[in-house]
Amino acid sequence: MADASLFFRILMIVILTVFTIVFAALYAYDRDQKAPAWISLAYFVGLTSFLFDLGRSVFDPVISDILAKLAFWLLSGLWTLSVFEYYQIKPPRKLLMIIFCVGFAFLLWFGLHQPDIIRRSIFSSITAGMLLACALPIQWRKRKNMLETAWSWAFSGLCATYFLRPIIIYGLLGERYTATSYVGSSYAAVLHSSSALWGLACGIIMLLVMGNKLIEKHLLASIKDPLTGLLNRRGLDTYVNKNLGGKKNSDRSLMILDLDHFKRVNDKFGHDAGDQVLIRSAALLQTLTQGLGTIARIGGEEFVILLNKMGAKDSRLVADHLRLSIGMITHPELPENSKVTASIGMAAMFSEESFAMALRRADQALYQAKSEGRNRVIEAIPDRRKPWLQLAT
């Protein structure tokens, strides 16, 4: 038992140290992700708790025990905060503080007023379990993939261990120990072994979860336009390949929207003003097309709107609404009463043609809209004999 306990103590120190460094490095790499910072701090506090636990034979055992348990709770609380930070949800700080304070009151009572190491141990484990349990509903509801599901199960298992450990050791096995006999007790062995194994399992899973989120973030950045937040050309191609490839695309409409005389805005008022015009226009387009289709910025001032299945008349109404709405935006960077209008080329998609063909027809219609004076919608009229050879009229 002593050799096994020593092994798990050493293993625990290694685990806590390694994950403290790894998650700190992950946070240093991407400061936008705050969850790894909380996890790194949690493992560091866990290391402190473990060292306090080992220091019973060197320092006052009661004080060492109280400090170890406080650090142990802080570890659980920081893990809980990491979950809320990961899902960008405000944590229940008052609830966590109430659990912490109630546990601290029992800890002081059974530590200093009526010393009882067994009851201290029981309340310590229950308090840690309650702190961690605050994160479980969020994890279960918000999980989106297998890694996040595994994270939820890992925390559930760890939380169950906090509640079951005192029941098994003190209830079923009837173990008892004192401050001096703690080091060689069954509880210490179970505590060190279960903590090492769960600490390792949770650390690996959390590392995979955080790493996966970092990868998703970089992949998302590669398909999103950094200025407007819309899909870029690569993102649009990805969407098309996933949702339109090999499927019947009839009753879909495709638009290319171009902001009229946008180069003049950049030349007269500067690129910063032009950027603000683009941002407002993109935000409006995204709002108006929400639930109706997908929008992407494919060029400087060009946007593609791919509508979901709807009739030709409804698609035309959407196009007219977008054009009129763009022309009503107020841009503080431009002179008073200055408006930026938009020209739109539309094409109804056929099941026989590719997205690229429909895009080419919409581009032809856009060219005609510009040549006829801009600030208008032109539809590509289909030639039923050869739908892949459409002309804008």
Protein backbone atom coordinates (compact mmCIF):
# COMPACT_ATOMS: atom_id res chain seq x y z
CA MET A 1 0.00 0.00 0.00
CA ALA A 2 2.80 2.40 0.89
CA ASP A 3 4.66 1.75 -2.38
CA ALA A 4 1.47 2.23 -4.40
CA SER A 5 0.66 5.44 -2.53
CA LEU A 6 4.19 6.76 -3.17
CA PHE A 7 3.86 5.95 -6.88
CA PHE A 8 0.57 7.84 -7.22
CA ARG A 9 1.95 10.78 -5.24
CA ILE A 10 4.84 11.11 -7.66
CA LEU A 11 2.49 10.60 -10.61
CA MET A 12 0.16 13.27 -9.26
CA ILE A 13 2.99 15.81 -8.94
CA VAL A 14 4.07 15.10 -12.52
CA ILE A 15 0.51 15.34 -13.88
CA LEU A 16 -0.25 18.61 -12.10
CA THR A 17 3.03 20.19 -13.16
CA VAL A 18 2.83 19.09 -16.79
CA PHE A 19 -0.77 20.24 -17.31
CA THR A 20 -0.09 23.55 -15.56
CA ILE A 21 2.62 24.24 -18.13
CA VAL A 22 0.72 22.85 -21.13
CA PHE A 23 -2.46 24.84 -20.58
CA ALA A 24 -0.47 27.98 -19.77
CA ALA A 25 1.32 27.55 -23.11
CA LEU A 26 -2.01 27.04 -24.88
CA TYR A 27 -3.32 30.27 -23.39
CA ALA A 28 -0.10 32.11 -24.29
CA TYR A 29 -0.54 30.93 -27.91
CA ASP A 30 -4.12 32.18 -28.15
CA ARG A 31 -5.07 34.84 -25.59
CA ASP A 32 -8.63 34.98 -26.94
CA GLN A 33 -9.30 31.61 -25.33
CA LYS A 34 -9.55 32.23 -21.59
CA ALA A 35 -10.57 28.70 -20.61
CA PRO A 36 -7.00 27.28 -20.82
CA ALA A 37 -5.85 30.02 -18.43
CA TRP A 38 -8.42 28.94 -15.84
CA ILE A 39 -7.45 25.29 -16.32
CA SER A 40 -3.74 26.06 -15.98
CA LEU A 41 -4.41 27.99 -12.78
CA ALA A 42 -6.58 25.11 -11.54
CA TYR A 43 -3.77 22.57 -12.02
CA PHE A 44 -1.31 24.93 -10.32
CA VAL A 45 -3.66 25.29 -7.35
CA GLY A 46 -4.10 21.51 -7.40
CA LEU A 47 -0.34 21.13 -7.13
CA THR A 48 -0.37 23.52 -4.16
CA SER A 49 -3.18 21.52 -2.56
CA PHE A 50 -1.27 18.29 -3.01
CA LEU A 51 1.90 19.77 -1.51
CA PHE A 52 -0.10 21.01 1.49
CA ASP A 53 -1.51 17.50 1.84
CA LEU A 54 1.97 16.01 1.83
CA GLY A 55 3.18 18.60 4.36
CA ARG A 56 1.12 17.24 7.23
CA SER A 57 4.17 15.53 8.70
CA VAL A 58 6.27 18.71 8.50
CA PHE A 59 3.82 21.46 9.50
CA ASP A 60 0.85 21.54 11.85
CA PRO A 61 -1.37 18.73 10.49
CA VAL A 62 -4.67 20.56 11.10
CA ILE A 63 -3.53 23.80 9.42
CA SER A 64 -1.96 21.82 6.54
CA ASP A 65 -5.20 19.87 6.15
CA ILE A 66 -7.33 23.05 6.08
CA LEU A 67 -5.05 24.74 3.53
CA ALA A 68 -5.00 21.59 1.39
CA LYS A 69 -8.80 21.41 1.34
CA LEU A 70 -9.19 25.12 0.53
CA ALA A 71 -6.83 24.72 -2.42
CA PHE A 72 -8.72 21.55 -3.40
CA TRP A 73 -11.98 23.51 -3.53
CA LEU A 74 -10.34 26.30 -5.47
CA LEU A 75 -9.19 23.71 -8.01
CA SER A 76 -12.78 22.50 -8.46
CA GLY A 77 -14.08 26.06 -8.67
CA LEU A 78 -11.53 27.03 -11.32
CA TRP A 79 -12.40 23.95 -13.36
CA THR A 80 -16.04 25.01 -13.17
CA LEU A 81 -15.18 28.54 -14.27
CA SER A 82 -13.24 27.11 -17.22
CA VAL A 83 -16.42 25.41 -18.45
CA PHE A 84 -18.45 28.62 -18.29
CA GLU A 85 -15.62 30.54 -20.00
CA TYR A 86 -15.37 27.91 -22.74
CA TYR A 87 -19.08 28.22 -23.53
CA GLN A 88 -19.04 32.03 -23.07
CA ILE A 89 -21.68 31.92 -20.32
CA LYS A 90 -21.72 34.03 -17.18
CA PRO A 91 -20.78 31.77 -14.24
CA PRO A 92 -22.98 31.51 -11.10
CA ARG A 93 -20.43 33.30 -8.90
CA LYS A 94 -22.85 33.81 -6.00
CA LEU A 95 -23.74 30.12 -5.91
CA LEU A 96 -20.10 29.10 -6.03
CA MET A 97 -19.28 31.57 -3.26
CA ILE A 98 -22.13 30.27 -1.07
CA ILE A 99 -20.95 26.66 -1.49
CA PHE A 100 -17.38 27.71 -0.73
CA CYS A 101 -18.35 29.69 2.40
CA VAL A 102 -20.61 26.96 3.82
CA GLY A 103 -17.89 24.38 3.27
CA PHE A 104 -15.33 26.71 4.87
CA ALA A 105 -17.55 27.13 7.95
CA PHE A 106 -17.74 23.35 8.44
CA LEU A 107 -14.02 23.06 7.75
CA LEU A 108 -13.18 25.56 10.51
CA TRP A 109 -15.68 24.00 12.93
CA PHE A 110 -14.31 20.49 12.57
CA GLY A 111 -10.76 21.76 12.27
CA LEU A 112 -10.38 24.21 15.12
CA HIS A 113 -13.50 24.16 17.33
CA GLN A 114 -14.35 20.45 17.39
CA PRO A 115 -11.43 18.75 15.65
CA ASP A 116 -12.63 15.77 13.63
CA ILE A 117 -10.48 14.76 10.68
CA ILE A 118 -13.07 12.31 9.33
CA ARG A 119 -15.85 14.90 9.14
CA ARG A 120 -13.43 17.42 7.66
CA SER A 121 -12.65 14.91 4.97
CA ILE A 122 -16.32 14.18 4.27
CA PHE A 123 -17.35 17.85 4.01
CA SER A 124 -14.26 18.62 1.94
CA SER A 125 -15.11 15.99 -0.66
CA ILE A 126 -18.81 16.96 -0.77
CA THR A 127 -18.01 20.67 -1.15
CA ALA A 128 -15.62 19.98 -4.04
CA GLY A 129 -18.27 17.81 -5.70
CA MET A 130 -20.92 20.53 -5.36
CA LEU A 131 -18.59 23.15 -6.85
CA LEU A 132 -17.86 20.95 -9.83
CA ALA A 133 -21.52 19.92 -10.20
CA CYS A 134 -22.40 23.55 -11.05
CA ALA A 135 -20.73 23.04 -14.44
CA LEU A 136 -22.42 19.74 -15.36
CA PRO A 137 -25.80 21.09 -16.64
CA ILE A 138 -24.04 23.57 -18.93
CA GLN A 139 -21.67 20.90 -20.25
CA TRP A 140 -24.50 18.52 -21.00
CA ARG A 141 -26.76 21.08 -22.71
CA LYS A 142 -24.07 22.84 -24.72
CA ARG A 143 -22.01 19.87 -25.92
CA LYS A 144 -21.65 19.89 -29.71
CA ASN A 145 -19.27 17.05 -30.50
CA MET A 146 -17.81 13.82 -29.14
CA LEU A 147 -14.94 15.58 -27.38
CA GLU A 148 -17.26 17.90 -25.48
CA THR A 149 -19.45 14.92 -24.59
CA ALA A 150 -16.39 13.08 -23.27
CA TRP A 151 -15.47 16.19 -21.26
CA SER A 152 -18.94 16.19 -19.73
CA TRP A 153 -18.69 12.50 -18.82
CA ALA A 154 -15.21 12.97 -17.37
CA PHE A 155 -16.39 15.78 -15.10
CA SER A 156 -19.47 13.76 -14.16
CA GLY A 157 -17.28 10.82 -13.19
CA LEU A 158 -14.94 13.05 -11.21
CA CYS A 159 -17.90 14.66 -9.46
CA ALA A 160 -19.34 11.23 -8.62
CA THR A 161 -15.96 10.24 -7.19
CA TYR A 162 -16.05 13.21 -4.82
CA PHE A 163 -19.39 12.04 -3.41
CA LEU A 164 -18.74 8.29 -3.45
CA ARG A 165 -15.20 8.27 -2.06
CA PRO A 166 -16.13 9.07 1.58
CA ILE A 167 -19.15 6.76 1.41
CA ILE A 168 -17.03 3.81 0.30
CA ILE A 169 -14.09 4.44 2.60
CA TYR A 170 -15.90 5.48 5.77
CA GLY A 171 -19.25 3.81 5.23
CA LEU A 172 -18.72 0.51 3.45
CA LEU A 173 -15.14 -0.18 4.52
CA GLY A 174 -15.47 1.46 7.93
CA GLU A 175 -11.97 2.95 7.75
CA ARG A 176 -10.81 5.36 10.44
CA TYR A 177 -7.59 7.30 10.84
CA THR A 178 -6.01 10.13 12.77
CA ALA A 179 -3.86 13.07 11.73
CA THR A 180 -0.73 10.98 12.34
CA SER A 181 -1.99 7.81 10.64
CA TYR A 182 -3.41 9.58 7.56
CA VAL A 183 -0.36 9.08 5.33
CA GLY A 184 -0.57 5.31 5.47
CA SER A 185 -4.37 5.10 5.49
CA SER A 186 -6.62 3.56 2.85
CA TYR A 187 -8.26 6.94 2.32
CA ALA A 188 -4.95 8.56 1.45
CA ALA A 189 -4.18 5.76 -0.99
CA VAL A 190 -7.60 6.02 -2.65
CA LEU A 191 -7.39 9.82 -2.68
CA HIS A 192 -3.98 9.89 -4.34
CA SER A 193 -4.71 7.12 -6.85
CA SER A 194 -8.17 8.39 -7.89
CA SER A 195 -6.94 12.00 -8.03
CA ALA A 196 -4.00 11.01 -10.22
CA LEU A 197 -6.11 8.96 -12.62
CA TRP A 198 -8.95 11.47 -12.87
CA GLY A 199 -6.52 14.37 -13.09
CA LEU A 200 -4.79 12.63 -15.99
CA ALA A 201 -8.04 11.69 -17.75
CA CYS A 202 -9.60 15.15 -17.37
CA GLY A 203 -6.37 16.85 -18.40
CA ILE A 204 -6.07 14.83 -21.60
CA ILE A 205 -9.72 15.35 -22.53
CA MET A 206 -9.61 19.07 -21.79
CA LEU A 207 -6.43 19.39 -23.80
CA LEU A 208 -8.15 17.71 -26.76
CA VAL A 209 -11.22 19.94 -26.35
CA MET A 210 -9.18 23.15 -26.20
CA GLY A 211 -6.93 22.05 -29.06
CA ASN A 212 -9.94 21.18 -31.18
CA LYS A 213 -11.47 24.60 -30.52
CA LEU A 214 -8.21 26.25 -31.53
CA ILE A 215 -8.17 24.25 -34.78
CA GLU A 216 -11.81 25.16 -35.45
CA LYS A 217 -11.00 28.80 -34.87
CA HIS A 218 -8.19 28.74 -37.45
CA LEU A 219 -10.33 26.83 -39.95
CA LEU A 220 -13.14 29.34 -39.44
CA ALA A 221 -10.73 32.22 -39.95
CA SER A 222 -9.69 30.70 -43.29
CA ILE A 223 -13.27 30.75 -44.61
CA LYS A 224 -14.46 34.02 -43.06
CA ASP A 225 -13.87 37.56 -44.27
CA PRO A 226 -12.03 39.30 -41.40
CA LEU A 227 -13.63 42.69 -42.06
CA THR A 228 -17.33 41.77 -42.29
CA GLY A 229 -17.44 38.35 -40.65
CA LEU A 230 -19.20 36.92 -43.70
CA LEU A 231 -18.03 33.89 -45.65
CA ASN A 232 -15.20 34.65 -48.06
CA ARG A 233 -14.81 33.09 -51.50
CA ARG A 234 -13.22 29.97 -50.04
CA GLY A 235 -15.98 29.71 -47.46
CA LEU A 236 -18.63 30.06 -50.15
CA ASP A 237 -17.00 27.30 -52.21
CA THR A 238 -16.94 25.08 -49.12
CA TYR A 239 -20.63 25.78 -48.47
CA VAL A 240 -21.58 25.11 -52.08
CA ASN A 241 -19.65 21.84 -52.24
CA LYS A 242 -21.28 20.67 -49.03
CA ASN A 243 -24.86 21.78 -49.67
CA LEU A 244 -25.34 21.99 -53.43
CA GLY A 245 -23.07 19.32 -54.85
CA GLY A 246 -25.03 16.56 -56.58
CA LYS A 247 -28.39 17.93 -55.38
CA LYS A 248 -31.37 19.33 -57.20
CA ASN A 249 -30.92 23.09 -57.12
CA SER A 250 -34.09 24.18 -58.85
CA ASP A 251 -36.16 26.83 -57.07
CA ARG A 252 -32.98 28.41 -55.71
CA SER A 253 -31.91 31.91 -56.67
CA LEU A 254 -28.47 33.42 -56.76
CA MET A 255 -27.64 37.12 -56.52
CA ILE A 256 -24.48 39.15 -56.94
CA LEU A 257 -24.74 42.52 -55.22
CA ASP A 258 -22.21 45.25 -55.98
CA LEU A 259 -21.98 48.59 -54.16
CA ASP A 260 -22.16 51.34 -56.76
CA HIS A 261 -19.16 53.64 -57.27
CA PHE A 262 -17.46 52.23 -54.20
CA LYS A 263 -14.02 53.14 -55.52
CA ARG A 264 -15.01 56.80 -55.27
CA VAL A 265 -15.72 56.35 -51.56
CA ASN A 266 -12.23 55.00 -50.98
CA ASP A 267 -10.59 57.63 -53.15
CA LYS A 268 -12.46 60.63 -51.69
CA PHE A 269 -12.91 59.69 -48.05
CA GLY A 270 -10.25 57.08 -47.42
CA HIS A 271 -10.18 53.33 -46.91
CA ASP A 272 -11.28 53.60 -43.28
CA ALA A 273 -14.52 55.20 -44.42
CA GLY A 274 -14.85 52.55 -47.11
CA ASP A 275 -14.38 49.81 -44.54
CA GLN A 276 -17.18 51.24 -42.40
CA VAL A 277 -19.48 51.33 -45.42
CA LEU A 278 -18.69 47.69 -46.12
CA ILE A 279 -19.22 46.66 -42.50
CA ARG A 280 -22.63 48.37 -42.29
CA SER A 281 -23.73 47.03 -45.66
CA ALA A 282 -22.66 43.49 -44.75
CA ALA A 283 -24.41 43.68 -41.37
CA LEU A 284 -27.63 44.83 -43.02
CA LEU A 285 -27.47 42.13 -45.69
CA GLN A 286 -26.83 39.48 -43.05
CA THR A 287 -29.78 40.69 -40.98
CA LEU A 288 -32.20 40.83 -43.92
CA THR A 289 -31.22 37.43 -45.29
CA GLN A 290 -31.17 35.63 -41.96
CA GLY A 291 -33.09 32.41 -42.38
CA LEU A 292 -33.52 33.06 -46.10
CA GLY A 293 -30.13 32.00 -47.38
CA THR A 294 -26.38 32.34 -47.22
CA ILE A 295 -24.30 35.42 -47.90
CA ALA A 296 -20.60 35.82 -48.74
CA ARG A 297 -18.23 38.63 -49.62
CA ILE A 298 -16.33 37.50 -52.70
CA GLY A 299 -14.56 40.72 -53.65
CA GLY A 300 -13.89 44.25 -52.53
CA GLU A 301 -17.49 45.47 -52.69
CA GLU A 302 -19.16 42.36 -54.15
CA PHE A 303 -21.46 40.06 -52.21
CA VAL A 304 -23.10 36.80 -53.23
CA ILE A 305 -26.48 35.89 -51.76
CA LEU A 306 -27.59 32.30 -52.26
CA LEU A 307 -31.25 32.04 -51.34
CA ASN A 308 -32.94 28.93 -50.03
CA LYS A 309 -35.68 27.41 -52.12
CA MET A 310 -38.39 29.97 -52.83
CA GLY A 311 -40.41 31.10 -55.81
CA ALA A 312 -39.11 33.51 -58.44
CA LYS A 313 -41.47 36.30 -57.35
CA ASP A 314 -40.40 36.01 -53.72
CA SER A 315 -36.73 36.00 -54.72
CA ARG A 316 -37.27 39.19 -56.72
CA LEU A 317 -38.98 40.80 -53.73
CA VAL A 318 -35.99 39.92 -51.55
CA ALA A 319 -33.60 41.41 -54.11
CA ASP A 320 -35.58 44.65 -54.36
CA HIS A 321 -35.78 44.89 -50.57
CA LEU A 322 -32.00 44.44 -50.27
CA ARG A 323 -31.32 47.10 -52.90
CA LEU A 324 -33.65 49.65 -51.33
CA SER A 325 -32.34 48.95 -47.81
CA ILE A 326 -28.72 49.39 -48.84
CA GLY A 327 -29.59 52.79 -50.32
CA MET A 328 -31.20 53.92 -47.04
CA ILE A 329 -28.15 53.35 -44.82
CA THR A 330 -26.72 56.49 -43.24
CA HIS A 331 -22.92 56.61 -43.26
CA PRO A 332 -21.51 59.27 -40.87
CA GLU A 333 -18.15 59.17 -42.65
CA LEU A 334 -19.72 60.51 -45.86
CA PRO A 335 -21.15 63.97 -46.53
CA GLU A 336 -24.72 64.61 -45.44
CA ASN A 337 -27.35 63.07 -47.73
CA SER A 338 -24.67 60.94 -49.42
CA LYS A 339 -25.93 57.43 -50.02
CA VAL A 340 -24.28 54.28 -51.31
CA THR A 341 -26.55 52.33 -53.63
CA ALA A 342 -26.27 48.79 -54.95
CA SER A 343 -26.74 46.96 -58.23
CA ILE A 344 -27.90 43.34 -58.21
CA GLY A 345 -27.71 40.61 -60.81
CA MET A 346 -30.03 37.63 -60.26
CA ALA A 347 -30.16 34.15 -61.70
CA ALA A 348 -32.62 31.35 -61.03
CA MET A 349 -30.68 28.10 -60.71
CA PHE A 350 -31.44 25.00 -62.76
CA SER A 351 -30.91 21.44 -61.64
CA GLU A 352 -28.89 20.80 -64.82
CA GLU A 353 -26.31 23.51 -64.20
CA SER A 354 -23.49 23.97 -61.74
CA PHE A 355 -23.18 26.74 -59.21
CA ALA A 356 -20.37 28.25 -61.30
CA MET A 357 -22.66 28.47 -64.34
CA ALA A 358 -25.41 30.17 -62.35
CA LEU A 359 -22.85 32.55 -60.87
CA ARG A 360 -21.66 33.45 -64.36
CA ARG A 361 -25.23 34.23 -65.45
CA ALA A 362 -25.82 36.37 -62.35
CA ASP A 363 -22.58 38.22 -63.10
CA GLN A 364 -23.80 38.94 -66.63
CA ALA A 365 -27.03 40.32 -65.18
CA LEU A 366 -25.02 42.47 -62.76
CA TYR A 367 -22.98 43.85 -65.66
CA GLN A 368 -26.20 44.82 -67.44
CA ALA A 369 -27.52 46.50 -64.26
CA LYS A 370 -24.38 48.64 -64.12
CA SER A 371 -24.48 49.50 -67.81
CA GLU A 372 -28.12 50.62 -67.50
CA GLY A 373 -27.34 53.15 -64.79
CA ARG A 374 -26.85 51.12 -61.58
CA ASN A 375 -29.07 50.99 -58.48
CA ARG A 376 -31.34 48.35 -60.00
CA VAL A 377 -32.03 44.61 -60.10
CA ILE A 378 -31.63 42.69 -63.35
CA GLU A 379 -32.72 39.07 -63.71
CA ALA A 380 -31.07 36.62 -66.08
CA ILE A 381 -33.97 35.41 -68.25
CA PRO A 382 -33.65 31.66 -68.95
CA ASP A 383 -33.43 30.19 -72.41
CA ARG A 384 -35.42 26.98 -71.92
CA ARG A 385 -33.71 25.30 -74.85
CA LYS A 386 -30.20 25.72 -73.40
CA PRO A 387 -30.44 26.71 -69.71
CA TRP A 388 -26.67 26.74 -69.34
CA LEU A 389 -26.35 29.50 -71.94
CA GLN A 390 -28.33 32.29 -70.29
CA LEU A 391 -28.28 35.93 -71.30
CA ALA A 392 -29.24 38.81 -69.03
CA THR A 393 -32.14 40.83 -70.38
